[in-house]
């Protein structure tokens, strides 16, 4: 028979395990990289990466053509999330912007 103290300890352990199962597990070595770029210097300038970026830009521009949006640079054009939201809306067919955000963007 398990004693009361042992029972409480096991119950707490079980509760912690359940809570942890709901959260994505990030390996310790990646936790300090939260706001850092993990690419090697010059990686964006390699031929293969540049070609991939060009293909992705072309694809995104084709998807957003009906909305009359033209991307030129991912970093600059996606910085505030508006064009990314437009892309996701176009791909999913769902409206992602809240009424307040729509009113704010129309007033600018």
C-alpha atoms as a PDB file:
ATOM      1  CA  UNK A   1       0.000   0.000   0.000  1.00  0.00           C
ATOM      2  CA  UNK A   2       1.235   3.472  -0.937  1.00  0.00           C
ATOM      3  CA  UNK A   3       1.402   6.030   1.870  1.00  0.00           C
ATOM      4  CA  UNK A   4      -0.330   9.403   1.679  1.00  0.00           C
ATOM      5  CA  UNK A   5       2.924  11.289   1.106  1.00  0.00           C
ATOM      6  CA  UNK A   6       3.996   8.942  -1.701  1.00  0.00           C
ATOM      7  CA  UNK A   7       0.514   9.168  -3.235  1.00  0.00           C
ATOM      8  CA  UNK A   8       0.656  13.003  -3.287  1.00  0.00           C
ATOM      9  CA  UNK A   9       4.123  12.936  -4.828  1.00  0.00           C
ATOM     10  CA  UNK A  10       3.002  10.539  -7.564  1.00  0.00           C
ATOM     11  CA  UNK A  11      -0.120  12.583  -8.214  1.00  0.00           C
ATOM     12  CA  UNK A  12       1.932  15.797  -8.588  1.00  0.00           C
ATOM     13  CA  UNK A  13       4.327  14.026 -10.936  1.00  0.00           C
ATOM     14  CA  UNK A  14       1.400  12.834 -13.039  1.00  0.00           C
ATOM     15  CA  UNK A  15      -0.121  16.325 -13.205  1.00  0.00           C
ATOM     16  CA  UNK A  16       3.211  17.794 -14.311  1.00  0.00           C
ATOM     17  CA  UNK A  17       3.565  15.118 -16.990  1.00  0.00           C
ATOM     18  CA  UNK A  18       0.075  15.915 -18.319  1.00  0.00           C
ATOM     19  CA  UNK A  19       0.838  19.653 -18.459  1.00  0.00           C
ATOM     20  CA  UNK A  20       4.151  19.056 -20.222  1.00  0.00           C
ATOM     21  CA  UNK A  21       2.511  16.784 -22.805  1.00  0.00           C
ATOM     22  CA  UNK A  22       0.378  19.731 -23.980  1.00  0.00           C
ATOM     23  CA  UNK A  23       3.372  22.016 -24.568  1.00  0.00           C
ATOM     24  CA  UNK A  24       5.784  21.598 -27.467  1.00  0.00           C
ATOM     25  CA  UNK A  25       9.171  20.470 -26.234  1.00  0.00           C
ATOM     26  CA  UNK A  26      12.051  22.675 -27.364  1.00  0.00           C
ATOM     27  CA  UNK A  27      15.506  21.127 -27.008  1.00  0.00           C
ATOM     28  CA  UNK A  28      17.682  23.006 -24.519  1.00  0.00           C
ATOM     29  CA  UNK A  29      20.263  23.972 -27.146  1.00  0.00           C
ATOM     30  CA  UNK A  30      17.592  25.911 -29.133  1.00  0.00           C
ATOM     31  CA  UNK A  31      16.083  27.871 -26.249  1.00  0.00           C
ATOM     32  CA  UNK A  32      18.757  30.573 -26.338  1.00  0.00           C
ATOM     33  CA  UNK A  33      18.288  31.087 -30.110  1.00  0.00           C
ATOM     34  CA  UNK A  34      14.781  32.518 -29.791  1.00  0.00           C
ATOM     35  CA  UNK A  35      15.554  35.822 -31.572  1.00  0.00           C
ATOM     36  CA  UNK A  36      18.648  34.859 -33.518  1.00  0.00           C
ATOM     37  CA  UNK A  37      19.175  33.866 -37.127  1.00  0.00           C
ATOM     38  CA  UNK A  38      20.605  30.373 -37.487  1.00  0.00           C
ATOM     39  CA  UNK A  39      21.886  30.755 -41.053  1.00  0.00           C
ATOM     40  CA  UNK A  40      25.561  30.865 -41.793  1.00  0.00           C
ATOM     41  CA  UNK A  41      26.880  34.227 -43.022  1.00  0.00           C
ATOM     42  CA  UNK A  42      26.379  34.462 -46.766  1.00  0.00           C
ATOM     43  CA  UNK A  43      23.915  31.548 -46.881  1.00  0.00           C
ATOM     44  CA  UNK A  44      21.236  33.701 -48.486  1.00  0.00           C
ATOM     45  CA  UNK A  45      23.621  34.571 -51.297  1.00  0.00           C
ATOM     46  CA  UNK A  46      24.328  31.018 -52.462  1.00  0.00           C
ATOM     47  CA  UNK A  47      22.990  30.138 -55.895  1.00  0.00           C
ATOM     48  CA  UNK A  48      20.604  27.431 -54.671  1.00  0.00           C
ATOM     49  CA  UNK A  49      19.105  29.538 -51.865  1.00  0.00           C
ATOM     50  CA  UNK A  50      18.760  32.572 -54.152  1.00  0.00           C
ATOM     51  CA  UNK A  51      17.002  30.378 -56.730  1.00  0.00           C
ATOM     52  CA  UNK A  52      14.644  29.019 -54.039  1.00  0.00           C
ATOM     53  CA  UNK A  53      13.831  32.548 -52.843  1.00  0.00           C
ATOM     54  CA  UNK A  54      13.094  33.628 -56.418  1.00  0.00           C
ATOM     55  CA  UNK A  55      10.777  30.654 -56.968  1.00  0.00           C
ATOM     56  CA  UNK A  56       8.968  31.332 -53.677  1.00  0.00           C
ATOM     57  CA  UNK A  57       8.570  35.032 -54.521  1.00  0.00           C
ATOM     58  CA  UNK A  58       7.146  34.118 -57.929  1.00  0.00           C
ATOM     59  CA  UNK A  59       4.700  31.648 -56.344  1.00  0.00           C
ATOM     60  CA  UNK A  60       3.557  34.106 -53.653  1.00  0.00           C
ATOM     61  CA  UNK A  61       3.084  36.800 -56.299  1.00  0.00           C
ATOM     62  CA  UNK A  62       0.962  34.417 -58.393  1.00  0.00           C
ATOM     63  CA  UNK A  63      -1.188  33.579 -55.350  1.00  0.00           C
ATOM     64  CA  UNK A  64      -1.642  37.254 -54.438  1.00  0.00           C
ATOM     65  CA  UNK A  65      -2.104  38.577 -58.004  1.00  0.00           C
ATOM     66  CA  UNK A  66      -5.908  38.687 -57.605  1.00  0.00           C
ATOM     67  CA  UNK A  67      -5.441  40.959 -54.567  1.00  0.00           C
ATOM     68  CA  UNK A  68      -3.107  43.210 -56.589  1.00  0.00           C
ATOM     69  CA  UNK A  69      -0.200  42.635 -54.184  1.00  0.00           C
ATOM     70  CA  UNK A  70       3.360  42.351 -55.461  1.00  0.00           C
ATOM     71  CA  UNK A  71       6.187  41.123 -53.232  1.00  0.00           C
ATOM     72  CA  UNK A  72       9.734  42.232 -53.880  1.00  0.00           C
ATOM     73  CA  UNK A  73      11.520  41.145 -50.696  1.00  0.00           C
ATOM     74  CA  UNK A  74      10.315  38.671 -48.050  1.00  0.00           C
ATOM     75  CA  UNK A  75      12.029  40.428 -45.158  1.00  0.00           C
ATOM     76  CA  UNK A  76      10.607  43.853 -45.920  1.00  0.00           C
ATOM     77  CA  UNK A  77       7.215  42.777 -47.266  1.00  0.00           C
ATOM     78  CA  UNK A  78       6.390  40.321 -44.462  1.00  0.00           C
ATOM     79  CA  UNK A  79       7.748  42.464 -41.607  1.00  0.00           C
ATOM     80  CA  UNK A  80       4.378  43.699 -40.287  1.00  0.00           C
ATOM     81  CA  UNK A  81       2.349  40.561 -41.019  1.00  0.00           C
ATOM     82  CA  UNK A  82      -0.241  42.220 -43.281  1.00  0.00           C
ATOM     83  CA  UNK A  83       0.891  40.581 -46.514  1.00  0.00           C
ATOM     84  CA  UNK A  84       1.430  37.278 -44.739  1.00  0.00           C
ATOM     85  CA  UNK A  85      -2.165  37.531 -43.507  1.00  0.00           C
ATOM     86  CA  UNK A  86      -3.341  38.244 -47.070  1.00  0.00           C
ATOM     87  CA  UNK A  87      -1.425  35.181 -48.306  1.00  0.00           C
ATOM     88  CA  UNK A  88      -2.899  32.919 -45.634  1.00  0.00           C
ATOM     89  CA  UNK A  89      -6.402  34.241 -46.350  1.00  0.00           C
ATOM     90  CA  UNK A  90      -5.965  33.605 -50.065  1.00  0.00           C
ATOM     91  CA  UNK A  91      -4.670  30.065 -49.490  1.00  0.00           C
ATOM     92  CA  UNK A  92      -7.274  29.079 -46.898  1.00  0.00           C
ATOM     93  CA  UNK A  93     -10.279  31.044 -48.117  1.00  0.00           C
ATOM     94  CA  UNK A  94     -10.814  32.245 -44.540  1.00  0.00           C
ATOM     95  CA  UNK A  95     -10.841  35.794 -43.214  1.00  0.00           C
ATOM     96  CA  UNK A  96      -8.145  36.130 -40.557  1.00  0.00           C
ATOM     97  CA  UNK A  97      -8.271  39.850 -39.800  1.00  0.00           C
ATOM     98  CA  UNK A  98     -10.491  41.039 -36.974  1.00  0.00           C
ATOM     99  CA  UNK A  99     -12.917  43.911 -37.491  1.00  0.00           C
ATOM    100  CA  UNK A 100     -10.657  46.268 -35.515  1.00  0.00           C
ATOM    101  CA  UNK A 101      -7.636  45.408 -37.625  1.00  0.00           C
ATOM    102  CA  UNK A 102      -9.608  45.991 -40.823  1.00  0.00           C
ATOM    103  CA  UNK A 103     -10.745  49.418 -39.622  1.00  0.00           C
ATOM    104  CA  UNK A 104      -7.188  50.302 -38.603  1.00  0.00           C
ATOM    105  CA  UNK A 105      -5.677  49.266 -41.936  1.00  0.00           C
ATOM    106  CA  UNK A 106      -8.375  51.160 -43.889  1.00  0.00           C
ATOM    107  CA  UNK A 107      -7.713  54.362 -41.957  1.00  0.00           C
ATOM    108  CA  UNK A 108      -3.974  54.334 -42.741  1.00  0.00           C
END
